[in-house]
Amino acid sequence: MSVLPPRPDRVPTLTEVVLPAPVPGPGAPAPAAAVDEALIVEAVLAALRGQVGAAMAPALARAMERVQHETRLALARTLPGLVAEAVAHAVAEAGGRAVPPAASPPAPAGERGTGLAG
């Protein structure tokens, strides 16, 4: 256990002579190395980021698969009606006459209002 010298009661001025600190002899313990807390915090955070990322990867992969599946289902339900409506609209504008849109299945309650406005 090293004993630290007492702190001075005051700071010397530039005109005062300050004697150097005593150099420890060959049998004296080496002074303690300064601990850089910022480096330690960064190292711990980096290790935690890796562990958290590895732990969350399977859950995120399952969530992404579910989102992709639900998106495909929604597109499969909605896209044919949207395309039929857009084609009917384009034909009507090109020929100058009204063409009724192709019959499409009704959209589920949560997906109403996704048709194209003409």
PDB file of N, CA and C in Angstrom:
ATOM      1  N   MET A   1       0.854  -1.171   0.000  1.00  0.00           N
ATOM      2  CA  MET A   1       0.000   0.000   0.000  1.00  0.00           C
ATOM      3  C   MET A   1       0.897   1.230   0.000  1.00  0.00           C
ATOM      4  N   SER A   2       0.684   2.108  -0.977  1.00  0.00           N
ATOM      5  CA  SER A   2       1.530   3.293  -1.057  1.00  0.00           C
ATOM      6  C   SER A   2       0.905   4.426  -0.256  1.00  0.00           C
ATOM      7  N   VAL A   3       1.756   5.233   0.320  1.00  0.00           N
ATOM      8  CA  VAL A   3       1.310   6.378   1.096  1.00  0.00           C
ATOM      9  C   VAL A   3       1.534   7.619   0.246  1.00  0.00           C
ATOM     10  N   LEU A   4       0.460   8.348   0.006  1.00  0.00           N
ATOM     11  CA  LEU A   4       0.559   9.560  -0.794  1.00  0.00           C
ATOM     12  C   LEU A   4       1.001  10.717   0.077  1.00  0.00           C
ATOM     13  N   PRO A   5       1.810  11.622  -0.498  1.00  0.00           N
ATOM     14  CA  PRO A   5       2.236  12.788   0.285  1.00  0.00           C
ATOM     15  C   PRO A   5       1.041  13.693   0.542  1.00  0.00           C
ATOM     16  N   PRO A   6       1.053  14.433   1.616  1.00  0.00           N
ATOM     17  CA  PRO A   6      -0.072  15.322   1.907  1.00  0.00           C
ATOM     18  C   PRO A   6      -0.180  16.424   0.858  1.00  0.00           C
ATOM     19  N   ARG A   7      -1.390  16.877   0.597  1.00  0.00           N
ATOM     20  CA  ARG A   7      -1.615  17.966  -0.359  1.00  0.00           C
ATOM     21  C   ARG A   7      -1.149  19.277   0.268  1.00  0.00           C
ATOM     22  N   PRO A   8      -0.616  20.162  -0.565  1.00  0.00           N
ATOM     23  CA  PRO A   8      -0.179  21.451  -0.011  1.00  0.00           C
ATOM     24  C   PRO A   8      -1.386  22.298   0.384  1.00  0.00           C
ATOM     25  N   ASP A   9      -1.195  23.140   1.352  1.00  0.00           N
ATOM     26  CA  ASP A   9      -2.254  24.036   1.788  1.00  0.00           C
ATOM     27  C   ASP A   9      -2.466  25.169   0.795  1.00  0.00           C
ATOM     28  N   ARG A  10      -1.433  25.463   0.026  1.00  0.00           N
ATOM     29  CA  ARG A  10      -1.535  26.539  -0.948  1.00  0.00           C
ATOM     30  C   ARG A  10      -0.694  26.184  -2.160  1.00  0.00           C
ATOM     31  N   VAL A  11      -0.940  26.891  -3.269  1.00  0.00           N
ATOM     32  CA  VAL A  11      -0.186  26.690  -4.499  1.00  0.00           C
ATOM     33  C   VAL A  11       0.942  27.706  -4.529  1.00  0.00           C
ATOM     34  N   PRO A  12       2.174  27.278  -4.830  1.00  0.00           N
ATOM     35  CA  PRO A  12       3.290  28.233  -4.843  1.00  0.00           C
ATOM     36  C   PRO A  12       3.161  29.230  -5.997  1.00  0.00           C
ATOM     37  N   THR A  13       3.728  30.397  -5.803  1.00  0.00           N
ATOM     38  CA  THR A  13       3.723  31.412  -6.861  1.00  0.00           C
ATOM     39  C   THR A  13       4.920  31.168  -7.775  1.00  0.00           C
ATOM     40  N   LEU A  14       4.979  31.880  -8.899  1.00  0.00           N
ATOM     41  CA  LEU A  14       6.063  31.674  -9.858  1.00  0.00           C
ATOM     42  C   LEU A  14       7.428  32.106  -9.332  1.00  0.00           C
ATOM     43  N   THR A  15       7.454  32.954  -8.349  1.00  0.00           N
ATOM     44  CA  THR A  15       8.745  33.436  -7.841  1.00  0.00           C
ATOM     45  C   THR A  15       9.301  32.536  -6.739  1.00  0.00           C
ATOM     46  N   GLU A  16       8.530  31.572  -6.271  1.00  0.00           N
ATOM     47  CA  GLU A  16       9.020  30.694  -5.207  1.00  0.00           C
ATOM     48  C   GLU A  16       9.792  29.520  -5.796  1.00  0.00           C
ATOM     49  N   VAL A  17      10.725  29.036  -5.062  1.00  0.00           N
ATOM     50  CA  VAL A  17      11.492  27.856  -5.467  1.00  0.00           C
ATOM     51  C   VAL A  17      10.750  26.631  -4.953  1.00  0.00           C
ATOM     52  N   VAL A  18      10.523  25.719  -5.876  1.00  0.00           N
ATOM     53  CA  VAL A  18       9.821  24.490  -5.510  1.00  0.00           C
ATOM     54  C   VAL A  18      10.796  23.347  -5.651  1.00  0.00           C
ATOM     55  N   LEU A  19      10.955  22.598  -4.605  1.00  0.00           N
ATOM     56  CA  LEU A  19      11.858  21.453  -4.650  1.00  0.00           C
ATOM     57  C   LEU A  19      11.158  20.282  -5.326  1.00  0.00           C
ATOM     58  N   PRO A  20      11.881  19.474  -6.103  1.00  0.00           N
ATOM     59  CA  PRO A  20      11.254  18.335  -6.770  1.00  0.00           C
ATOM     60  C   PRO A  20      10.804  17.298  -5.746  1.00  0.00           C
ATOM     61  N   ALA A  21       9.821  16.504  -6.153  1.00  0.00           N
ATOM     62  CA  ALA A  21       9.320  15.450  -5.280  1.00  0.00           C
ATOM     63  C   ALA A  21      10.414  14.405  -5.120  1.00  0.00           C
ATOM     64  N   PRO A  22      10.455  13.779  -3.957  1.00  0.00           N
ATOM     65  CA  PRO A  22      11.496  12.769  -3.751  1.00  0.00           C
ATOM     66  C   PRO A  22      11.283  11.578  -4.695  1.00  0.00           C
ATOM     67  N   VAL A  23      12.391  11.070  -5.222  1.00  0.00           N
ATOM     68  CA  VAL A  23      12.355   9.911  -6.125  1.00  0.00           C
ATOM     69  C   VAL A  23      12.379   8.661  -5.263  1.00  0.00           C
ATOM     70  N   PRO A  24      11.459   7.718  -5.490  1.00  0.00           N
ATOM     71  CA  PRO A  24      11.458   6.513  -4.675  1.00  0.00           C
ATOM     72  C   PRO A  24      12.716   5.689  -4.946  1.00  0.00           C
ATOM     73  N   GLY A  25      13.232   5.089  -3.902  1.00  0.00           N
ATOM     74  CA  GLY A  25      14.430   4.258  -4.012  1.00  0.00           C
ATOM     75  C   GLY A  25      14.119   2.924  -4.673  1.00  0.00           C
ATOM     76  N   PRO A  26      15.114   2.086  -4.837  1.00  0.00           N
ATOM     77  CA  PRO A  26      14.923   0.813  -5.524  1.00  0.00           C
ATOM     78  C   PRO A  26      13.966  -0.130  -4.795  1.00  0.00           C
ATOM     79  N   GLY A  27      13.823  -0.030  -3.515  1.00  0.00           N
ATOM     80  CA  GLY A  27      12.929  -0.927  -2.774  1.00  0.00           C
ATOM     81  C   GLY A  27      11.542  -0.339  -2.563  1.00  0.00           C
ATOM     82  N   ALA A  28      11.323   0.922  -2.968  1.00  0.00           N
ATOM     83  CA  ALA A  28      10.029   1.586  -2.741  1.00  0.00           C
ATOM     84  C   ALA A  28       9.013   1.118  -3.786  1.00  0.00           C
ATOM     85  N   PRO A  29       7.748   1.091  -3.385  1.00  0.00           N
ATOM     86  CA  PRO A  29       6.719   0.685  -4.354  1.00  0.00           C
ATOM     87  C   PRO A  29       6.556   1.745  -5.443  1.00  0.00           C
ATOM     88  N   ALA A  30       6.204   1.300  -6.632  1.00  0.00           N
ATOM     89  CA  ALA A  30       5.991   2.214  -7.758  1.00  0.00           C
ATOM     90  C   ALA A  30       4.702   2.984  -7.535  1.00  0.00           C
ATOM     91  N   PRO A  31       4.646   4.230  -8.011  1.00  0.00           N
ATOM     92  CA  PRO A  31       3.405   5.003  -7.854  1.00  0.00           C
ATOM     93  C   PRO A  31       2.273   4.333  -8.655  1.00  0.00           C
ATOM     94  N   ALA A  32       1.063   4.472  -8.148  1.00  0.00           N
ATOM     95  CA  ALA A  32      -0.102   3.870  -8.810  1.00  0.00           C
ATOM     96  C   ALA A  32      -0.342   4.552 -10.153  1.00  0.00           C
ATOM     97  N   ALA A  33      -0.658   3.744 -11.173  1.00  0.00           N
ATOM     98  CA  ALA A  33      -0.944   4.292 -12.500  1.00  0.00           C
ATOM     99  C   ALA A  33      -2.293   4.997 -12.461  1.00  0.00           C
ATOM    100  N   ALA A  34      -2.379   6.070 -13.199  1.00  0.00           N
ATOM    101  CA  ALA A  34      -3.631   6.826 -13.251  1.00  0.00           C
ATOM    102  C   ALA A  34      -4.677   5.998 -13.994  1.00  0.00           C
ATOM    103  N   VAL A  35      -5.886   5.991 -13.482  1.00  0.00           N
ATOM    104  CA  VAL A  35      -6.981   5.248 -14.091  1.00  0.00           C
ATOM    105  C   VAL A  35      -7.776   6.206 -14.975  1.00  0.00           C
ATOM    106  N   ASP A  36      -7.934   5.839 -16.240  1.00  0.00           N
ATOM    107  CA  ASP A  36      -8.707   6.663 -17.163  1.00  0.00           C
ATOM    108  C   ASP A  36     -10.125   6.108 -17.200  1.00  0.00           C
ATOM    109  N   GLU A  37     -11.015   6.725 -16.421  1.00  0.00           N
ATOM    110  CA  GLU A  37     -12.388   6.234 -16.309  1.00  0.00           C
ATOM    111  C   GLU A  37     -13.114   6.267 -17.644  1.00  0.00           C
ATOM    112  N   ALA A  38     -12.844   7.249 -18.469  1.00  0.00           N
ATOM    113  CA  ALA A  38     -13.517   7.349 -19.768  1.00  0.00           C
ATOM    114  C   ALA A  38     -13.196   6.143 -20.638  1.00  0.00           C
ATOM    115  N   LEU A  39     -11.941   5.704 -20.625  1.00  0.00           N
ATOM    116  CA  LEU A  39     -11.574   4.526 -21.409  1.00  0.00           C
ATOM    117  C   LEU A  39     -12.255   3.274 -20.878  1.00  0.00           C
ATOM    118  N   ILE A  40     -12.352   3.154 -19.580  1.00  0.00           N
ATOM    119  CA  ILE A  40     -13.010   1.988 -18.982  1.00  0.00           C
ATOM    120  C   ILE A  40     -14.489   1.978 -19.342  1.00  0.00           C
ATOM    121  N   VAL A  41     -15.134   3.132 -19.237  1.00  0.00           N
ATOM    122  CA  VAL A  41     -16.561   3.227 -19.578  1.00  0.00           C
ATOM    123  C   VAL A  41     -16.782   2.847 -21.036  1.00  0.00           C
ATOM    124  N   GLU A  42     -15.950   3.343 -21.942  1.00  0.00           N
ATOM    125  CA  GLU A  42     -16.084   3.022 -23.365  1.00  0.00           C
ATOM    126  C   GLU A  42     -15.900   1.530 -23.615  1.00  0.00           C
ATOM    127  N   ALA A  43     -14.939   0.918 -22.943  1.00  0.00           N
ATOM    128  CA  ALA A  43     -14.698  -0.518 -23.124  1.00  0.00           C
ATOM    129  C   ALA A  43     -15.891  -1.337 -22.639  1.00  0.00           C
ATOM    130  N   VAL A  44     -16.444  -0.962 -21.491  1.00  0.00           N
ATOM    131  CA  VAL A  44     -17.606  -1.680 -20.947  1.00  0.00           C
ATOM    132  C   VAL A  44     -18.807  -1.503 -21.871  1.00  0.00           C
ATOM    133  N   LEU A  45     -19.050  -0.283 -22.342  1.00  0.00           N
ATOM    134  CA  LEU A  45     -20.179  -0.036 -23.245  1.00  0.00           C
ATOM    135  C   LEU A  45     -20.027  -0.811 -24.552  1.00  0.00           C
ATOM    136  N   ALA A  46     -18.819  -0.874 -25.086  1.00  0.00           N
ATOM    137  CA  ALA A  46     -18.589  -1.629 -26.329  1.00  0.00           C
ATOM    138  C   ALA A  46     -18.895  -3.110 -26.115  1.00  0.00           C
ATOM    139  N   ALA A  47     -18.472  -3.654 -24.988  1.00  0.00           N
ATOM    140  CA  ALA A  47     -18.748  -5.059 -24.702  1.00  0.00           C
ATOM    141  C   ALA A  47     -20.250  -5.292 -24.537  1.00  0.00           C
ATOM    142  N   LEU A  48     -20.932  -4.382 -23.861  1.00  0.00           N
ATOM    143  CA  LEU A  48     -22.379  -4.524 -23.671  1.00  0.00           C
ATOM    144  C   LEU A  48     -23.138  -4.398 -24.989  1.00  0.00           C
ATOM    145  N   ARG A  49     -22.709  -3.477 -25.847  1.00  0.00           N
ATOM    146  CA  ARG A  49     -23.371  -3.327 -27.153  1.00  0.00           C
ATOM    147  C   ARG A  49     -23.320  -4.634 -27.921  1.00  0.00           C
ATOM    148  N   GLY A  50     -22.172  -5.272 -27.930  1.00  0.00           N
ATOM    149  CA  GLY A  50     -22.028  -6.547 -28.634  1.00  0.00           C
ATOM    150  C   GLY A  50     -22.925  -7.619 -28.049  1.00  0.00           C
ATOM    151  N   GLN A  51     -22.978  -7.708 -26.731  1.00  0.00           N
ATOM    152  CA  GLN A  51     -23.799  -8.726 -26.076  1.00  0.00           C
ATOM    153  C   GLN A  51     -25.280  -8.465 -26.292  1.00  0.00           C
ATOM    154  N   VAL A  52     -25.706  -7.221 -26.182  1.00  0.00           N
ATOM    155  CA  VAL A  52     -27.120  -6.879 -26.380  1.00  0.00           C
ATOM    156  C   VAL A  52     -27.513  -7.127 -27.831  1.00  0.00           C
ATOM    157  N   GLY A  53     -26.655  -6.735 -28.756  1.00  0.00           N
ATOM    158  CA  GLY A  53     -26.936  -6.967 -30.167  1.00  0.00           C
ATOM    159  C   GLY A  53     -27.077  -8.444 -30.479  1.00  0.00           C
ATOM    160  N   ALA A  54     -26.184  -9.270 -29.937  1.00  0.00           N
ATOM    161  CA  ALA A  54     -26.248 -10.709 -30.169  1.00  0.00           C
ATOM    162  C   ALA A  54     -27.507 -11.310 -29.539  1.00  0.00           C
ATOM    163  N   ALA A  55     -27.905 -10.801 -28.391  1.00  0.00           N
ATOM    164  CA  ALA A  55     -29.100 -11.332 -27.721  1.00  0.00           C
ATOM    165  C   ALA A  55     -30.374 -10.932 -28.457  1.00  0.00           C
ATOM    166  N   MET A  56     -30.385  -9.762 -29.075  1.00  0.00           N
ATOM    167  CA  MET A  56     -31.590  -9.276 -29.739  1.00  0.00           C
ATOM    168  C   MET A  56     -31.713  -9.745 -31.183  1.00  0.00           C
ATOM    169  N   ALA A  57     -30.636 -10.210 -31.784  1.00  0.00           N
ATOM    170  CA  ALA A  57     -30.645 -10.588 -33.195  1.00  0.00           C
ATOM    171  C   ALA A  57     -31.737 -11.596 -33.548  1.00  0.00           C
ATOM    172  N   PRO A  58     -31.920 -12.690 -32.798  1.00  0.00           N
ATOM    173  CA  PRO A  58     -32.977 -13.642 -33.161  1.00  0.00           C
ATOM    174  C   PRO A  58     -34.375 -13.022 -33.089  1.00  0.00           C
ATOM    175  N   ALA A  59     -34.641 -12.225 -32.083  1.00  0.00           N
ATOM    176  CA  ALA A  59     -35.961 -11.598 -31.947  1.00  0.00           C
ATOM    177  C   ALA A  59     -36.207 -10.614 -33.091  1.00  0.00           C
ATOM    178  N   LEU A  60     -35.196  -9.854 -33.460  1.00  0.00           N
ATOM    179  CA  LEU A  60     -35.340  -8.909 -34.567  1.00  0.00           C
ATOM    180  C   LEU A  60     -35.537  -9.641 -35.894  1.00  0.00           C
ATOM    181  N   ALA A  61     -34.862 -10.777 -36.073  1.00  0.00           N
ATOM    182  CA  ALA A  61     -35.031 -11.551 -37.304  1.00  0.00           C
ATOM    183  C   ALA A  61     -36.461 -12.090 -37.407  1.00  0.00           C
ATOM    184  N   ARG A  62     -37.001 -12.603 -36.289  1.00  0.00           N
ATOM    185  CA  ARG A  62     -38.390 -13.098 -36.298  1.00  0.00           C
ATOM    186  C   ARG A  62     -39.364 -11.963 -36.579  1.00  0.00           C
ATOM    187  N   ALA A  63     -39.145 -10.809 -35.986  1.00  0.00           N
ATOM    188  CA  ALA A  63     -40.029  -9.664 -36.213  1.00  0.00           C
ATOM    189  C   ALA A  63     -39.982  -9.230 -37.678  1.00  0.00           C
ATOM    190  N   MET A  64     -38.800  -9.233 -38.270  1.00  0.00           N
ATOM    191  CA  MET A  64     -38.668  -8.837 -39.677  1.00  0.00           C
ATOM    192  C   MET A  64     -39.378  -9.849 -40.582  1.00  0.00           C
ATOM    193  N   GLU A  65     -39.262 -11.127 -40.288  1.00  0.00           N
ATOM    194  CA  GLU A  65     -39.957 -12.142 -41.085  1.00  0.00           C
ATOM    195  C   GLU A  65     -41.469 -11.952 -41.009  1.00  0.00           C
ATOM    196  N   ARG A  66     -41.964 -11.632 -39.831  1.00  0.00           N
ATOM    197  CA  ARG A  66     -43.404 -11.418 -39.667  1.00  0.00           C
ATOM    198  C   ARG A  66     -43.870 -10.185 -40.447  1.00  0.00           C
ATOM    199  N   VAL A  67     -43.106  -9.114 -40.387  1.00  0.00           N
ATOM    200  CA  VAL A  67     -43.459  -7.898 -41.123  1.00  0.00           C
ATOM    201  C   VAL A  67     -43.469  -8.184 -42.624  1.00  0.00           C
ATOM    202  N   GLN A  68     -42.475  -8.908 -43.110  1.00  0.00           N
ATOM    203  CA  GLN A  68     -42.433  -9.244 -44.531  1.00  0.00           C
ATOM    204  C   GLN A  68     -43.646 -10.086 -44.932  1.00  0.00           C
ATOM    205  N   HIS A  69     -43.995 -11.070 -44.116  1.00  0.00           N
ATOM    206  CA  HIS A  69     -45.135 -11.943 -44.414  1.00  0.00           C
ATOM    207  C   HIS A  69     -46.435 -11.134 -44.453  1.00  0.00           C
ATOM    208  N   GLU A  70     -46.648 -10.292 -43.446  1.00  0.00           N
ATOM    209  CA  GLU A  70     -47.868  -9.491 -43.394  1.00  0.00           C
ATOM    210  C   GLU A  70     -47.929  -8.488 -44.546  1.00  0.00           C
ATOM    211  N   THR A  71     -46.784  -7.960 -44.952  1.00  0.00           N
ATOM    212  CA  THR A  71     -46.743  -7.029 -46.080  1.00  0.00           C
ATOM    213  C   THR A  71     -47.117  -7.741 -47.376  1.00  0.00           C
ATOM    214  N   ARG A  72     -46.579  -8.939 -47.560  1.00  0.00           N
ATOM    215  CA  ARG A  72     -46.929  -9.708 -48.767  1.00  0.00           C
ATOM    216  C   ARG A  72     -48.426 -10.006 -48.810  1.00  0.00           C
ATOM    217  N   LEU A  73     -49.002 -10.404 -47.677  1.00  0.00           N
ATOM    218  CA  LEU A  73     -50.436 -10.698 -47.629  1.00  0.00           C
ATOM    219  C   LEU A  73     -51.266  -9.454 -47.959  1.00  0.00           C
ATOM    220  N   ALA A  74     -50.894  -8.324 -47.375  1.00  0.00           N
ATOM    221  CA  ALA A  74     -51.634  -7.086 -47.627  1.00  0.00           C
ATOM    222  C   ALA A  74     -51.539  -6.683 -49.097  1.00  0.00           C
ATOM    223  N   LEU A  75     -50.367  -6.834 -49.682  1.00  0.00           N
ATOM    224  CA  LEU A  75     -50.213  -6.504 -51.101  1.00  0.00           C
ATOM    225  C   LEU A  75     -51.014  -7.461 -51.979  1.00  0.00           C
ATOM    226  N   ALA A  76     -51.013  -8.730 -51.638  1.00  0.00           N
ATOM    227  CA  ALA A  76     -51.764  -9.709 -52.422  1.00  0.00           C
ATOM    228  C   ALA A  76     -53.263  -9.412 -52.377  1.00  0.00           C
ATOM    229  N   ARG A  77     -53.762  -8.906 -51.246  1.00  0.00           N
ATOM    230  CA  ARG A  77     -55.185  -8.562 -51.129  1.00  0.00           C
ATOM    231  C   ARG A  77     -55.518  -7.256 -51.841  1.00  0.00           C
ATOM    232  N   THR A  78     -54.636  -6.313 -51.797  1.00  0.00           N
ATOM    233  CA  THR A  78     -54.933  -4.958 -52.242  1.00  0.00           C
ATOM    234  C   THR A  78     -54.519  -4.670 -53.681  1.00  0.00           C
ATOM    235  N   LEU A  79     -53.374  -5.182 -54.085  1.00  0.00           N
ATOM    236  CA  LEU A  79     -52.800  -4.808 -55.373  1.00  0.00           C
ATOM    237  C   LEU A  79     -53.682  -5.139 -56.581  1.00  0.00           C
ATOM    238  N   PRO A  80     -54.315  -6.310 -56.677  1.00  0.00           N
ATOM    239  CA  PRO A  80     -55.136  -6.567 -57.865  1.00  0.00           C
ATOM    240  C   PRO A  80     -56.245  -5.532 -58.057  1.00  0.00           C
ATOM    241  N   GLY A  81     -56.918  -5.150 -57.004  1.00  0.00           N
ATOM    242  CA  GLY A  81     -57.963  -4.138 -57.110  1.00  0.00           C
ATOM    243  C   GLY A  81     -57.415  -2.781 -57.514  1.00  0.00           C
ATOM    244  N   LEU A  82     -56.277  -2.412 -56.968  1.00  0.00           N
ATOM    245  CA  LEU A  82     -55.662  -1.133 -57.317  1.00  0.00           C
ATOM    246  C   LEU A  82     -55.249  -1.102 -58.788  1.00  0.00           C
ATOM    247  N   VAL A  83     -54.679  -2.199 -59.269  1.00  0.00           N
ATOM    248  CA  VAL A  83     -54.255  -2.259 -60.667  1.00  0.00           C
ATOM    249  C   VAL A  83     -55.473  -2.198 -61.586  1.00  0.00           C
ATOM    250  N   ALA A  84     -56.529  -2.960 -61.256  1.00  0.00           N
ATOM    251  CA  ALA A  84     -57.740  -2.957 -62.079  1.00  0.00           C
ATOM    252  C   ALA A  84     -58.351  -1.562 -62.140  1.00  0.00           C
ATOM    253  N   GLU A  85     -58.387  -0.883 -61.009  1.00  0.00           N
ATOM    254  CA  GLU A  85     -58.937   0.466 -60.966  1.00  0.00           C
ATOM    255  C   GLU A  85     -58.088   1.429 -61.789  1.00  0.00           C
ATOM    256  N   ALA A  86     -56.770   1.325 -61.693  1.00  0.00           N
ATOM    257  CA  ALA A  86     -55.877   2.210 -62.445  1.00  0.00           C
ATOM    258  C   ALA A  86     -55.998   1.954 -63.946  1.00  0.00           C
ATOM    259  N   VAL A  87     -56.093   0.679 -64.344  1.00  0.00           N
ATOM    260  CA  VAL A  87     -56.234   0.351 -65.767  1.00  0.00           C
ATOM    261  C   VAL A  87     -57.560   0.876 -66.292  1.00  0.00           C
ATOM    262  N   ALA A  88     -58.638   0.670 -65.558  1.00  0.00           N
ATOM    263  CA  ALA A  88     -59.948   1.152 -65.989  1.00  0.00           C
ATOM    264  C   ALA A  88     -59.941   2.670 -66.128  1.00  0.00           C
ATOM    265  N   HIS A  89     -59.303   3.345 -65.211  1.00  0.00           N
ATOM    266  CA  HIS A  89     -59.214   4.803 -65.259  1.00  0.00           C
ATOM    267  C   HIS A  89     -58.428   5.247 -66.496  1.00  0.00           C
ATOM    268  N   ALA A  90     -57.307   4.586 -66.763  1.00  0.00           N
ATOM    269  CA  ALA A  90     -56.476   4.953 -67.910  1.00  0.00           C
ATOM    270  C   ALA A  90     -57.207   4.693 -69.220  1.00  0.00           C
ATOM    271  N   VAL A  91     -57.928   3.562 -69.312  1.00  0.00           N
ATOM    272  CA  VAL A  91     -58.683   3.247 -70.528  1.00  0.00           C
ATOM    273  C   VAL A  91     -59.792   4.274 -70.738  1.00  0.00           C
ATOM    274  N   ALA A  92     -60.455   4.646 -69.656  1.00  0.00           N
ATOM    275  CA  ALA A  92     -61.538   5.623 -69.749  1.00  0.00           C
ATOM    276  C   ALA A  92     -61.006   6.965 -70.225  1.00  0.00           C
ATOM    277  N   GLU A  93     -59.865   7.384 -69.723  1.00  0.00           N
ATOM    278  CA  GLU A  93     -59.291   8.657 -70.155  1.00  0.00           C
ATOM    279  C   GLU A  93     -58.824   8.587 -71.602  1.00  0.00           C
ATOM    280  N   ALA A  94     -58.273   7.463 -72.004  1.00  0.00           N
ATOM    281  CA  ALA A  94     -57.765   7.326 -73.369  1.00  0.00           C
ATOM    282  C   ALA A  94     -58.896   7.251 -74.385  1.00  0.00           C
ATOM    283  N   GLY A  95     -59.995   6.562 -74.032  1.00  0.00           N
ATOM    284  CA  GLY A  95     -61.098   6.408 -74.956  1.00  0.00           C
ATOM    285  C   GLY A  95     -62.158   7.453 -74.795  1.00  0.00           C
ATOM    286  N   GLY A  96     -62.088   8.227 -73.787  1.00  0.00           N
ATOM    287  CA  GLY A  96     -63.068   9.271 -73.556  1.00  0.00           C
ATOM    288  C   GLY A  96     -64.399   8.754 -73.054  1.00  0.00           C
ATOM    289  N   ARG A  97     -64.457   7.530 -72.598  1.00  0.00           N
ATOM    290  CA  ARG A  97     -65.724   7.008 -72.076  1.00  0.00           C
ATOM    291  C   ARG A  97     -65.472   6.349 -70.725  1.00  0.00           C
ATOM    292  N   ALA A  98     -66.500   6.264 -69.960  1.00  0.00           N
ATOM    293  CA  ALA A  98     -66.387   5.684 -68.623  1.00  0.00           C
ATOM    294  C   ALA A  98     -66.397   4.175 -68.718  1.00  0.00           C
ATOM    295  N   VAL A  99     -65.474   3.559 -68.034  1.00  0.00           N
ATOM    296  CA  VAL A  99     -65.411   2.098 -67.956  1.00  0.00           C
ATOM    297  C   VAL A  99     -65.481   1.748 -66.486  1.00  0.00           C
ATOM    298  N   PRO A 100     -66.443   0.907 -66.105  1.00  0.00           N
ATOM    299  CA  PRO A 100     -66.519   0.560 -64.687  1.00  0.00           C
ATOM    300  C   PRO A 100     -65.298  -0.261 -64.282  1.00  0.00           C
ATOM    301  N   PRO A 101     -64.792  -0.024 -63.096  1.00  0.00           N
ATOM    302  CA  PRO A 101     -63.625  -0.795 -62.652  1.00  0.00           C
ATOM    303  C   PRO A 101     -63.995  -2.256 -62.481  1.00  0.00           C
ATOM    304  N   ALA A 102     -63.000  -3.109 -62.653  1.00  0.00           N
ATOM    305  CA  ALA A 102     -63.223  -4.545 -62.473  1.00  0.00           C
ATOM    306  C   ALA A 102     -63.619  -4.802 -61.035  1.00  0.00           C
ATOM    307  N   ALA A 103     -64.452  -5.801 -60.884  1.00  0.00           N
ATOM    308  CA  ALA A 103     -64.898  -6.144 -59.534  1.00  0.00           C
ATOM    309  C   ALA A 103     -63.711  -6.654 -58.738  1.00  0.00           C
ATOM    310  N   SER A 104     -63.552  -6.098 -57.574  1.00  0.00           N
ATOM    311  CA  SER A 104     -62.488  -6.560 -56.691  1.00  0.00           C
ATOM    312  C   SER A 104     -63.107  -6.890 -55.349  1.00  0.00           C
ATOM    313  N   PRO A 105     -62.486  -7.820 -54.631  1.00  0.00           N
ATOM    314  CA  PRO A 105     -63.049  -8.181 -53.327  1.00  0.00           C
ATOM    315  C   PRO A 105     -62.997  -6.988 -52.391  1.00  0.00           C
ATOM    316  N   PRO A 106     -63.991  -6.884 -51.509  1.00  0.00           N
ATOM    317  CA  PRO A 106     -63.973  -5.753 -50.570  1.00  0.00           C
ATOM    318  C   PRO A 106     -62.756  -5.834 -49.659  1.00  0.00           C
ATOM    319  N   ALA A 107     -62.204  -4.673 -49.350  1.00  0.00           N
ATOM    320  CA  ALA A 107     -61.041  -4.615 -48.471  1.00  0.00           C
ATOM    321  C   ALA A 107     -61.482  -4.835 -47.039  1.00  0.00           C
ATOM    322  N   PRO A 108     -60.638  -5.489 -46.220  1.00  0.00           N
ATOM    323  CA  PRO A 108     -60.954  -5.629 -44.796  1.00  0.00           C
ATOM    324  C   PRO A 108     -61.118  -4.265 -44.153  1.00  0.00           C
ATOM    325  N   ALA A 109     -61.815  -4.232 -43.041  1.00  0.00           N
ATOM    326  CA  ALA A 109     -62.177  -2.976 -42.372  1.00  0.00           C
ATOM    327  C   ALA A 109     -60.968  -2.064 -42.132  1.00  0.00           C
ATOM    328  N   GLY A 110     -59.835  -2.604 -41.782  1.00  0.00           N
ATOM    329  CA  GLY A 110     -58.663  -1.789 -41.475  1.00  0.00           C
ATOM    330  C   GLY A 110     -57.942  -1.282 -42.703  1.00  0.00           C
ATOM    331  N   GLU A 111     -58.340  -1.728 -43.910  1.00  0.00           N
ATOM    332  CA  GLU A 111     -57.601  -1.354 -45.113  1.00  0.00           C
ATOM    333  C   GLU A 111     -58.451  -0.563 -46.094  1.00  0.00           C
ATOM    334  N   ARG A 112     -59.605  -0.090 -45.699  1.00  0.00           N
ATOM    335  CA  ARG A 112     -60.468   0.682 -46.604  1.00  0.00           C
ATOM    336  C   ARG A 112     -59.793   2.014 -46.929  1.00  0.00           C
ATOM    337  N   GLY A 113     -60.145   2.522 -48.108  1.00  0.00           N
ATOM    338  CA  GLY A 113     -59.618   3.826 -48.483  1.00  0.00           C
ATOM    339  C   GLY A 113     -58.241   3.751 -49.117  1.00  0.00           C
ATOM    340  N   THR A 114     -57.841   2.563 -49.639  1.00  0.00           N
ATOM    341  CA  THR A 114     -56.527   2.483 -50.255  1.00  0.00           C
ATOM    342  C   THR A 114     -56.601   2.577 -51.767  1.00  0.00           C
ATOM    343  N   GLY A 115     -57.797   2.783 -52.330  1.00  0.00           N
ATOM    344  CA  GLY A 115     -57.944   2.884 -53.778  1.00  0.00           C
ATOM    345  C   GLY A 115     -57.357   4.165 -54.312  1.00  0.00           C
ATOM    346  N   LEU A 116     -57.198   4.198 -55.641  1.00  0.00           N
ATOM    347  CA  LEU A 116     -56.646   5.397 -56.257  1.00  0.00           C
ATOM    348  C   LEU A 116     -57.739   6.424 -56.463  1.00  0.00           C
ATOM    349  N   ALA A 117     -57.450   7.655 -56.196  1.00  0.00           N
ATOM    350  CA  ALA A 117     -58.420   8.723 -56.438  1.00  0.00           C
ATOM    351  C   ALA A 117     -58.206   9.230 -57.838  1.00  0.00           C
ATOM    352  N   GLY A 118     -59.266   9.373 -58.609  1.00  0.00           N
ATOM    353  CA  GLY A 118     -59.098   9.768 -59.993  1.00  0.00           C
ATOM    354  C   GLY A 118     -59.589  11.103 -60.185  1.00  0.00           C
TER     355      GLY A 118
END
